[in-house]
Amino acid sequence: MADNDYSPGVRRYVEQGRQQLAAAAAGRRRLRGMKFDTLAVHGCYGMDAARENRGSINEPLYLSSAQHFENSDHMEAALAYLMPSWTYSRIANPTLGYLEETLALLEGYGFPGDVSACAVASGMAAIFLATNPLLADRRRGEKINLVAGSKCYGGTFMLFSERYAAERGIDVRWVRNPLDLDEWRSLIDDRTRFVFAEMPSNPGLAVCDIEALAELAHAVDAPLIVDSTVATPALLRPLCLGADIVVQSVSKSLNTGGLAIAGAVIARHQIPAKVGPPELRANYAGYLKLLPGRDFGPALSPFNALMILNDLRTLRAKMDRLSRNALRVACFLQDHPQVERVSYPGLAGDPGHALASRYMWLADGEDDYGEPVNRYGHLLAFTVRGGVGSARNMFDRLRLIWRATDLGRIKSIATIPAISTHQQQGEQGRDLAGIVPNLVRLNVGGEHPDDIIADLDQALAGGPLNP
């Protein structure tokens, strides 16, 4: 409906909404002139917002499930999405809004265009919400495909191979070697709905050429989606490199305290896409939030949003420290006689080192170190000499490093992907992803690296089992 089709009362709220949107846009323009750390600390919550919240310096926690409206005209304008509102926490919530604005500012740091974000209940919810609408509008008998790097998180593999391929007949085309542009090129065609890659990947730390993949995807009017969970925007911002959509498992390195589960879709405005209304392409994250997200219902708890906001404030400093710790641990493991191979893009001998060194930089690192500095994240993987039995024995002997399936924590955590995060995809799927039974994934935390190394050393040496 056109604005003139509404009553004068509704039109008054529409105009009020336009003024609110204009003020928010002006605020974003002002914020984009600030440094990464300032954006992480403050987000969009400034003194004007504090005055509206009884002077609270911290973002307020809105636990109410629904918004009160001034009158029927206000309700009609809000529910028609003609003005900003939060309406109902399955659709939006003020506390979630603060988190979404902060994530958009961080992922868009250095990007010249507009960026929006949609926060959801988990990283897998984010991947589903980011990809599912792009597979719609399928004509009877039409064969469509998606192209994705096979070296990816087990949940992503299962979503694509089981939910999309097996259940819906989508042609899922896996790229075995993400570094091989010819392999990507051979699989992308006019029926490709999106291209998906992890950078770096979990658990194998494989890398890909984001700029080149963006060109390949855009040549067939498809968006490039990058899962940048391992790097975070402190080390890598795919939107600045040509990607259209970023997905984050916010539960991980963005939330090192480990007290909340969340995910996010962050997208630049005006993405390429073969499907959907103009609104989808104009503001993909906003479209997801108000329409598919409303209907699927992957809402994030406002309490979790606030916990994550508090952890985000020191993101850059933590990723700097944790990356330096990880490099020290990787160098130790690389020289250990009980270790066959270490996968970490910060090592000079890693196949992806040159490309990772081109793309992965500590945001504003020159302010700290006098020149730009590479940082490669705090996830690494290694294979234990002697096969699966030796790997499990080493794993069981860890005394300081926690045994769990998580990553991104301030506490060091290890897992064996073949029996945990990638167990369900089966032997054939693990072979496709390059996951061997004696592979150990290690999240290097904030402990002193000497203590992490000592624990790994005693575990690899075959000391007494941890009681």
Protein backbone atom coordinates (compact mmCIF):
# COMPACT_ATOMS: atom_id res chain seq x y z
CA MET A 1 0.00 0.00 0.00
CA ALA A 2 1.08 3.56 -0.70
CA ASP A 3 1.33 6.01 2.19
CA ASN A 4 -1.77 7.85 0.94
CA ASP A 5 -3.83 4.69 1.40
CA TYR A 6 -3.41 4.98 5.17
CA SER A 7 -5.31 7.27 7.54
CA PRO A 8 -3.85 10.65 8.56
CA GLY A 9 -3.01 9.21 11.97
CA VAL A 10 -1.00 6.37 10.47
CA ARG A 11 0.75 8.76 8.09
CA ARG A 12 1.81 10.86 11.05
CA TYR A 13 3.60 7.84 12.54
CA VAL A 14 5.12 7.04 9.16
CA GLU A 15 6.64 10.53 9.05
CA GLN A 16 7.84 10.12 12.62
CA GLY A 17 9.48 6.86 11.57
CA ARG A 18 11.25 8.57 8.65
CA GLN A 19 12.71 11.10 11.03
CA GLN A 20 13.89 8.31 13.35
CA LEU A 21 15.53 6.45 10.46
CA ALA A 22 17.24 9.61 9.25
CA ALA A 23 18.59 10.31 12.73
CA ALA A 24 19.85 6.71 13.04
CA ALA A 25 21.57 6.94 9.64
CA ALA A 26 23.26 10.19 10.65
CA GLY A 27 24.45 8.53 13.85
CA ARG A 28 25.95 5.63 11.91
CA ARG A 29 27.79 8.02 9.60
CA ARG A 30 29.29 9.74 12.63
CA LEU A 31 30.28 6.44 14.23
CA ARG A 32 31.97 5.17 11.09
CA GLY A 33 34.64 7.80 11.55
CA MET A 34 35.73 6.18 14.82
CA LYS A 35 38.26 3.43 15.48
CA PHE A 36 37.48 -0.29 15.81
CA ASP A 37 37.91 -0.40 19.60
CA THR A 38 35.59 2.59 20.07
CA LEU A 39 32.90 0.89 17.99
CA ALA A 40 33.31 -2.33 19.97
CA VAL A 41 33.04 -0.50 23.30
CA HIS A 42 30.14 1.81 22.48
CA GLY A 43 28.33 0.43 19.43
CA CYS A 44 25.41 2.73 18.67
CA TYR A 45 24.59 3.30 22.34
CA GLY A 46 25.60 6.87 23.18
CA MET A 47 24.58 9.61 25.56
CA ASP A 48 21.33 10.41 23.74
CA ALA A 49 20.25 6.79 24.11
CA ALA A 50 21.32 6.82 27.76
CA ARG A 51 19.11 9.84 28.44
CA GLU A 52 16.16 7.83 27.15
CA ASN A 53 17.09 4.99 29.53
CA ARG A 54 17.37 6.83 32.85
CA GLY A 55 21.04 7.61 32.26
CA SER A 56 22.22 4.01 32.13
CA ILE A 57 25.79 3.80 30.81
CA ASN A 58 25.23 0.19 29.78
CA GLU A 59 22.71 -0.89 27.18
CA PRO A 60 19.48 -1.74 29.02
CA LEU A 61 18.12 -5.27 29.06
CA TYR A 62 14.60 -5.43 27.67
CA LEU A 63 13.11 -8.71 28.89
CA SER A 64 9.54 -7.84 27.89
CA SER A 65 8.30 -10.01 25.04
CA ALA A 66 6.13 -7.29 23.50
CA GLN A 67 5.96 -3.53 22.89
CA HIS A 68 3.13 -1.25 24.01
CA PHE A 69 1.67 1.00 21.28
CA GLU A 70 0.31 4.47 21.83
CA ASN A 71 -2.84 3.82 19.82
CA SER A 72 -4.24 1.85 16.88
CA ASP A 73 -2.55 4.13 14.32
CA HIS A 74 0.82 3.49 15.97
CA MET A 75 0.20 -0.27 15.95
CA GLU A 76 -0.85 -0.29 12.30
CA ALA A 77 2.19 1.69 11.17
CA ALA A 78 4.56 -0.48 13.19
CA LEU A 79 3.13 -3.83 12.08
CA ALA A 80 3.19 -2.71 8.44
CA TYR A 81 6.92 -2.01 8.93
CA LEU A 82 6.39 1.63 8.01
CA MET A 83 8.34 2.89 11.00
CA PRO A 84 11.00 1.56 13.38
CA SER A 85 9.60 -0.55 16.19
CA TRP A 86 10.37 -3.75 17.96
CA THR A 87 6.79 -4.98 18.31
CA TYR A 88 7.50 -8.49 19.58
CA SER A 89 10.78 -10.13 20.60
CA ARG A 90 10.46 -12.88 18.02
CA ILE A 91 10.79 -10.12 15.41
CA ALA A 92 12.99 -7.57 17.15
CA ASN A 93 14.00 -6.32 20.58
CA PRO A 94 15.85 -3.15 21.67
CA THR A 95 18.68 -5.08 23.35
CA LEU A 96 19.13 -7.22 20.22
CA GLY A 97 19.13 -3.99 18.23
CA TYR A 98 22.17 -2.72 20.14
CA LEU A 99 24.01 -5.97 19.41
CA GLU A 100 23.04 -5.92 15.72
CA GLU A 101 24.18 -2.35 15.26
CA THR A 102 27.52 -3.14 16.92
CA LEU A 103 28.10 -6.21 14.74
CA ALA A 104 27.22 -4.24 11.60
CA LEU A 105 29.68 -1.49 12.57
CA LEU A 106 32.48 -3.97 13.25
CA GLU A 107 31.99 -6.11 10.13
CA GLY A 108 31.57 -2.92 8.10
CA TYR A 109 34.70 -1.27 9.52
CA GLY A 110 36.50 0.12 6.47
CA PHE A 111 33.66 -0.78 4.08
CA PRO A 112 32.32 2.28 2.20
CA GLY A 113 28.72 1.10 1.83
CA ASP A 114 25.80 0.43 4.16
CA VAL A 115 25.80 -2.72 6.30
CA SER A 116 23.06 -4.30 8.42
CA ALA A 117 22.94 -7.26 10.80
CA CYS A 118 20.40 -9.77 12.06
CA ALA A 119 21.13 -11.58 15.33
CA VAL A 120 19.67 -15.04 15.93
CA ALA A 121 19.77 -17.83 18.48
CA SER A 122 22.80 -19.78 17.20
CA GLY A 123 25.43 -19.94 14.50
CA MET A 124 23.52 -22.70 12.71
CA ALA A 125 20.37 -20.57 12.79
CA ALA A 126 22.41 -17.83 11.13
CA ILE A 127 23.67 -20.15 8.39
CA PHE A 128 20.16 -21.48 7.73
CA LEU A 129 18.63 -18.00 7.68
CA ALA A 130 21.39 -16.65 5.43
CA THR A 131 21.04 -19.43 2.86
CA ASN A 132 17.45 -20.68 2.85
CA PRO A 133 15.76 -17.66 1.20
CA LEU A 134 18.26 -17.84 -1.66
CA LEU A 135 16.97 -21.33 -2.51
CA ALA A 136 13.34 -20.21 -2.90
CA ASP A 137 11.32 -19.53 -6.08
CA ARG A 138 12.25 -22.89 -7.53
CA ARG A 139 10.18 -23.78 -10.59
CA ARG A 140 8.92 -27.35 -11.00
CA GLY A 141 11.74 -29.56 -12.22
CA GLU A 142 14.31 -26.77 -12.06
CA LYS A 143 17.75 -27.92 -10.94
CA ILE A 144 19.48 -25.32 -8.83
CA ASN A 145 22.75 -25.63 -6.97
CA LEU A 146 24.91 -24.17 -4.28
CA VAL A 147 28.70 -24.30 -4.29
CA ALA A 148 30.53 -24.63 -0.97
CA GLY A 149 33.93 -25.45 0.41
CA SER A 150 33.90 -28.99 1.84
CA LYS A 151 36.31 -28.01 4.59
CA CYS A 152 33.65 -26.59 6.86
CA TYR A 153 31.97 -27.03 10.23
CA GLY A 154 30.09 -30.32 10.61
CA GLY A 155 26.76 -28.59 11.21
CA THR A 156 27.11 -26.67 7.95
CA PHE A 157 27.94 -29.89 6.12
CA MET A 158 24.84 -31.60 7.53
CA LEU A 159 22.55 -28.66 6.72
CA PHE A 160 23.70 -28.58 3.11
CA SER A 161 24.03 -32.32 2.49
CA GLU A 162 21.02 -33.60 4.46
CA ARG A 163 18.47 -30.80 4.77
CA TYR A 164 19.10 -29.20 1.37
CA ALA A 165 20.43 -32.03 -0.82
CA ALA A 166 18.78 -35.18 0.55
CA GLU A 167 15.47 -33.66 1.66
CA ARG A 168 14.94 -30.95 -0.95
CA GLY A 169 16.90 -32.15 -3.96
CA ILE A 170 19.25 -29.18 -4.12
CA ASP A 171 22.44 -29.93 -6.01
CA VAL A 172 25.18 -29.33 -3.44
CA ARG A 173 28.56 -29.02 -5.12
CA TRP A 174 31.48 -29.46 -2.76
CA VAL A 175 34.88 -27.93 -3.44
CA ARG A 176 37.57 -30.25 -2.07
CA ASN A 177 40.44 -27.75 -2.21
CA PRO A 178 39.33 -24.21 -1.32
CA LEU A 179 42.68 -22.86 -2.61
CA ASP A 180 41.96 -24.18 -6.12
CA LEU A 181 40.15 -21.43 -8.03
CA ASP A 182 39.78 -23.67 -11.07
CA GLU A 183 37.79 -26.14 -8.99
CA TRP A 184 35.47 -23.37 -7.78
CA ARG A 185 35.14 -22.06 -11.34
CA SER A 186 34.23 -25.49 -12.73
CA LEU A 187 31.31 -25.86 -10.30
CA ILE A 188 29.77 -22.36 -10.41
CA ASP A 189 27.23 -21.78 -13.18
CA ASP A 190 24.05 -19.86 -14.04
CA ARG A 191 22.00 -22.08 -11.71
CA THR A 192 24.20 -21.40 -8.68
CA ARG A 193 22.12 -19.62 -6.03
CA PHE A 194 25.02 -18.81 -3.70
CA VAL A 195 28.69 -19.55 -3.08
CA PHE A 196 29.70 -20.41 0.49
CA ALA A 197 33.14 -20.57 2.12
CA GLU A 198 34.69 -20.60 5.58
CA MET A 199 37.75 -18.40 6.12
CA PRO A 200 39.65 -19.89 7.91
CA SER A 201 37.77 -23.20 8.06
CA ASN A 202 36.84 -25.24 11.11
CA PRO A 203 38.62 -27.51 11.95
CA GLY A 204 41.25 -27.70 9.20
CA LEU A 205 42.11 -23.97 9.03
CA ALA A 206 41.86 -23.98 5.23
CA VAL A 207 41.75 -20.57 3.56
CA CYS A 208 40.30 -19.27 0.32
CA ASP A 209 40.71 -16.25 -1.96
CA ILE A 210 37.70 -14.11 -1.03
CA GLU A 211 38.24 -11.48 -3.72
CA ALA A 212 38.52 -14.07 -6.48
CA LEU A 213 35.50 -16.03 -5.21
CA ALA A 214 33.44 -12.84 -5.14
CA GLU A 215 34.25 -12.24 -8.80
CA LEU A 216 33.24 -15.80 -9.71
CA ALA A 217 29.97 -15.56 -7.79
CA HIS A 218 29.05 -12.12 -9.08
CA ALA A 219 29.65 -13.23 -12.67
CA VAL A 220 26.55 -15.44 -12.34
CA ASP A 221 24.58 -12.95 -10.21
CA ALA A 222 25.05 -15.00 -7.02
CA PRO A 223 26.12 -13.72 -3.61
CA LEU A 224 29.27 -14.86 -1.85
CA ILE A 225 28.63 -15.90 1.76
CA VAL A 226 31.64 -16.17 4.08
CA ASP A 227 31.61 -17.80 7.50
CA SER A 228 34.25 -15.76 9.33
CA THR A 229 33.64 -17.16 12.81
CA VAL A 230 37.25 -18.19 13.43
CA ALA A 231 38.72 -14.82 12.40
CA THR A 232 36.09 -12.37 13.71
CA PRO A 233 36.01 -8.81 12.31
CA ALA A 234 39.04 -8.00 14.45
CA LEU A 235 41.19 -9.96 11.97
CA LEU A 236 39.14 -10.26 8.77
CA ARG A 237 36.24 -8.32 7.28
CA PRO A 238 35.02 -10.17 4.16
CA LEU A 239 32.65 -7.37 3.11
CA CYS A 240 35.69 -5.18 2.45
CA LEU A 241 37.03 -7.89 0.13
CA GLY A 242 33.95 -8.29 -2.06
CA ALA A 243 31.82 -10.74 -0.07
CA ASP A 244 28.12 -9.95 0.19
CA ILE A 245 27.08 -11.77 3.36
CA VAL A 246 28.99 -12.76 6.50
CA VAL A 247 27.78 -15.34 8.98
CA GLN A 248 29.11 -15.55 12.50
CA SER A 249 28.65 -18.11 15.21
CA VAL A 250 28.64 -15.36 17.81
CA SER A 251 28.87 -18.06 20.47
CA LYS A 252 32.54 -18.46 19.58
CA SER A 253 35.37 -15.90 19.49
CA LEU A 254 33.04 -12.90 19.57
CA ASN A 255 31.86 -14.21 22.94
CA THR A 256 34.98 -15.61 24.56
CA GLY A 257 33.34 -15.88 27.99
CA GLY A 258 31.23 -18.78 26.77
CA LEU A 259 28.08 -17.72 28.62
CA ALA A 260 25.71 -17.46 25.65
CA ILE A 261 24.78 -19.03 22.33
CA ALA A 262 24.05 -16.75 19.35
CA GLY A 263 24.59 -16.25 15.65
CA ALA A 264 24.44 -13.36 13.22
CA VAL A 265 23.98 -12.59 9.54
CA ILE A 266 25.73 -9.39 8.47
CA ALA A 267 25.22 -8.19 4.91
CA ARG A 268 26.06 -5.23 2.77
CA HIS A 269 23.17 -3.48 1.08
CA GLN A 270 22.36 -4.19 -2.59
CA ILE A 271 23.52 -7.80 -2.84
CA PRO A 272 23.22 -9.84 -6.04
CA ALA A 273 20.53 -12.54 -5.96
CA LYS A 274 18.45 -14.48 -8.45
CA VAL A 275 15.36 -14.64 -6.24
CA GLY A 276 13.17 -12.59 -3.99
CA PRO A 277 11.67 -9.12 -3.98
CA PRO A 278 13.74 -5.92 -4.32
CA GLU A 279 13.74 -5.58 -0.53
CA LEU A 280 15.78 -8.80 -0.27
CA ARG A 281 18.59 -7.37 -2.38
CA ALA A 282 18.36 -3.85 -0.97
CA ASN A 283 18.88 -4.83 2.69
CA TYR A 284 19.27 -8.58 3.08
CA ALA A 285 19.82 -8.65 6.85
CA GLY A 286 16.86 -6.33 7.42
CA TYR A 287 14.72 -8.48 5.14
CA LEU A 288 15.71 -11.63 7.05
CA LYS A 289 14.93 -10.02 10.38
CA LEU A 290 11.45 -8.77 9.52
CA LEU A 291 10.16 -11.53 7.22
CA PRO A 292 11.83 -15.00 7.12
CA GLY A 293 13.18 -14.57 10.64
CA ARG A 294 9.75 -13.57 11.88
CA ASP A 295 8.20 -16.68 10.31
CA PHE A 296 10.90 -19.24 11.21
CA GLY A 297 11.32 -17.84 14.72
CA PRO A 298 15.07 -18.27 15.50
CA ALA A 299 14.90 -15.43 18.03
CA LEU A 300 17.86 -14.65 20.28
CA SER A 301 17.29 -14.12 23.99
CA PRO A 302 17.79 -10.46 24.97
CA PHE A 303 19.75 -11.63 28.01
CA ASN A 304 22.19 -13.51 25.75
CA ALA A 305 22.50 -10.42 23.56
CA LEU A 306 23.56 -8.35 26.56
CA MET A 307 26.10 -10.96 27.69
CA ILE A 308 27.64 -10.93 24.22
CA LEU A 309 27.71 -7.15 24.03
CA ASN A 310 29.75 -7.10 27.23
CA ASP A 311 32.25 -9.60 25.79
CA LEU A 312 32.53 -7.73 22.47
CA ARG A 313 34.00 -4.63 24.04
CA THR A 314 37.53 -6.04 24.24
CA LEU A 315 37.40 -8.14 21.05
CA ARG A 316 40.42 -6.70 19.25
CA ALA A 317 42.77 -6.90 22.22
CA LYS A 318 41.70 -10.47 22.95
CA MET A 319 42.13 -11.64 19.36
CA ASP A 320 45.58 -10.07 19.29
CA ARG A 321 46.68 -11.83 22.47
CA LEU A 322 45.04 -15.16 21.65
CA SER A 323 46.52 -15.17 18.13
CA ARG A 324 50.00 -14.59 19.51
CA ASN A 325 49.46 -17.44 21.99
CA ALA A 326 48.27 -19.73 19.18
CA LEU A 327 51.32 -19.02 17.04
CA ARG A 328 53.63 -19.96 19.90
CA VAL A 329 51.72 -23.19 20.51
CA ALA A 330 51.67 -24.00 16.78
CA CYS A 331 55.43 -23.54 16.56
CA PHE A 332 55.91 -25.88 19.52
CA LEU A 333 53.67 -28.56 18.03
CA GLN A 334 55.32 -28.24 14.63
CA ASP A 335 58.65 -29.30 16.17
CA HIS A 336 57.27 -32.05 18.44
CA PRO A 337 58.28 -35.60 17.46
CA GLN A 338 54.83 -36.98 18.34
CA VAL A 339 53.04 -34.59 15.96
CA GLU A 340 52.74 -35.43 12.27
CA ARG A 341 51.34 -32.16 10.95
CA VAL A 342 50.07 -28.82 12.22
CA SER A 343 47.44 -26.79 10.39
CA TYR A 344 47.66 -23.09 11.24
CA PRO A 345 47.76 -20.31 8.63
CA GLY A 346 50.28 -18.38 10.69
CA LEU A 347 52.98 -20.98 10.03
CA ALA A 348 55.21 -20.16 7.07
CA GLY A 349 54.94 -23.70 5.72
CA ASP A 350 51.14 -23.85 5.81
CA PRO A 351 49.57 -24.10 2.32
CA GLY A 352 47.34 -21.12 3.03
CA HIS A 353 49.96 -18.92 4.70
CA ALA A 354 50.54 -16.54 1.78
CA LEU A 355 46.82 -15.96 1.20
CA ALA A 356 46.07 -15.65 4.91
CA SER A 357 48.90 -13.12 5.21
CA ARG A 358 47.28 -11.10 2.44
CA TYR A 359 43.87 -11.01 4.10
CA MET A 360 44.20 -11.43 7.88
CA TRP A 361 45.33 -8.25 9.64
CA LEU A 362 44.73 -7.02 13.16
CA ALA A 363 42.35 -4.08 12.89
CA ASP A 364 44.25 -0.85 13.61
CA GLY A 365 47.36 -2.90 14.38
CA GLU A 366 49.56 -0.08 13.16
CA ASP A 367 48.38 1.99 16.13
CA ASP A 368 49.83 -0.58 18.52
CA TYR A 369 52.88 -1.82 16.64
CA GLY A 370 53.83 1.08 14.38
CA GLU A 371 52.94 -0.90 11.26
CA PRO A 372 50.19 -3.30 10.11
CA VAL A 373 50.50 -6.77 11.66
CA ASN A 374 49.13 -10.13 10.62
CA ARG A 375 47.19 -12.15 13.14
CA TYR A 376 45.80 -15.60 12.34
CA GLY A 377 43.31 -16.40 15.09
CA HIS A 378 43.44 -18.81 18.00
CA LEU A 379 42.27 -22.06 16.40
CA LEU A 380 44.69 -24.69 15.13
CA ALA A 381 44.64 -28.40 14.37
CA PHE A 382 47.25 -31.14 14.49
CA THR A 383 47.54 -34.86 13.81
CA VAL A 384 49.12 -37.12 16.42
CA ARG A 385 51.71 -39.63 15.30
CA GLY A 386 50.63 -43.24 15.83
CA GLY A 387 47.05 -42.96 14.60
CA VAL A 388 43.72 -42.68 16.36
CA GLY A 389 44.77 -44.59 19.47
CA SER A 390 47.64 -42.24 20.15
CA ALA A 391 45.42 -39.21 19.52
CA ARG A 392 42.81 -40.43 22.00
CA ASN A 393 45.45 -41.29 24.59
CA MET A 394 46.96 -37.80 24.28
CA PHE A 395 43.49 -36.24 24.46
CA ASP A 396 42.59 -38.19 27.61
CA ARG A 397 45.81 -37.08 29.34
CA LEU A 398 45.16 -33.34 29.07
CA ARG A 399 45.09 -31.72 32.51
CA LEU A 400 44.76 -27.98 31.82
CA ILE A 401 43.14 -27.94 28.38
CA TRP A 402 39.42 -28.72 28.53
CA ARG A 403 37.85 -31.53 26.50
CA ALA A 404 34.75 -30.11 24.81
CA THR A 405 33.22 -29.46 21.39
CA ASP A 406 33.36 -25.68 21.63
CA LEU A 407 35.83 -23.14 20.31
CA GLY A 408 36.53 -19.45 20.70
CA ARG A 409 36.81 -19.57 24.47
CA ILE A 410 39.18 -17.64 26.68
CA LYS A 411 39.90 -21.10 28.15
CA SER A 412 41.84 -23.55 26.00
CA ILE A 413 39.67 -26.36 24.65
CA ALA A 414 40.47 -29.43 22.55
CA THR A 415 38.31 -31.88 20.64
CA ILE A 416 38.71 -34.77 18.21
CA PRO A 417 36.45 -33.74 15.30
CA ALA A 418 36.01 -37.27 13.90
CA ILE A 419 34.18 -38.36 17.07
CA SER A 420 32.53 -35.03 17.91
CA THR A 421 31.79 -32.05 15.69
CA HIS A 422 32.06 -34.03 12.43
CA GLN A 423 30.97 -37.49 13.60
CA GLN A 424 27.51 -37.42 12.02
CA GLN A 425 28.66 -36.65 8.50
CA GLY A 426 30.11 -40.14 8.22
CA GLU A 427 33.41 -41.48 6.93
CA GLN A 428 32.75 -40.42 3.34
CA GLY A 429 31.83 -36.90 4.43
CA ARG A 430 34.87 -36.65 6.66
CA ASP A 431 37.07 -37.80 3.81
CA LEU A 432 35.58 -35.06 1.64
CA ALA A 433 36.37 -32.54 4.36
CA GLY A 434 39.88 -33.89 4.95
CA ILE A 435 39.19 -34.91 8.56
CA VAL A 436 41.30 -37.85 9.68
CA PRO A 437 40.68 -39.87 12.89
CA ASN A 438 43.87 -38.67 14.61
CA LEU A 439 43.16 -34.95 14.03
CA VAL A 440 42.90 -32.83 17.18
CA ARG A 441 41.40 -29.35 17.05
CA LEU A 442 42.80 -26.95 19.63
CA ASN A 443 41.31 -23.65 20.68
CA VAL A 444 44.21 -21.76 22.27
CA GLY A 445 42.95 -19.65 25.14
CA GLY A 446 44.20 -16.80 27.26
CA GLU A 447 46.28 -18.85 29.68
CA HIS A 448 50.02 -18.24 29.60
CA PRO A 449 51.30 -20.08 26.50
CA ASP A 450 54.03 -21.78 28.56
CA ASP A 451 51.36 -23.55 30.61
CA ILE A 452 49.40 -24.59 27.51
CA ILE A 453 52.59 -25.95 25.95
CA ALA A 454 53.52 -27.81 29.15
CA ASP A 455 50.14 -29.53 29.20
CA LEU A 456 50.42 -30.54 25.56
CA ASP A 457 53.97 -31.78 26.11
CA GLN A 458 53.07 -34.03 29.01
CA ALA A 459 50.00 -35.35 27.20
CA LEU A 460 51.99 -36.16 24.06
CA ALA A 461 54.70 -37.81 26.17
CA GLY A 462 52.17 -40.32 27.56
CA GLY A 463 52.10 -39.40 31.23
CA PRO A 464 49.56 -40.80 33.73
CA LEU A 465 45.91 -40.48 32.81
CA ASN A 466 44.00 -37.51 34.19
CA PRO A 467 41.90 -38.80 37.07
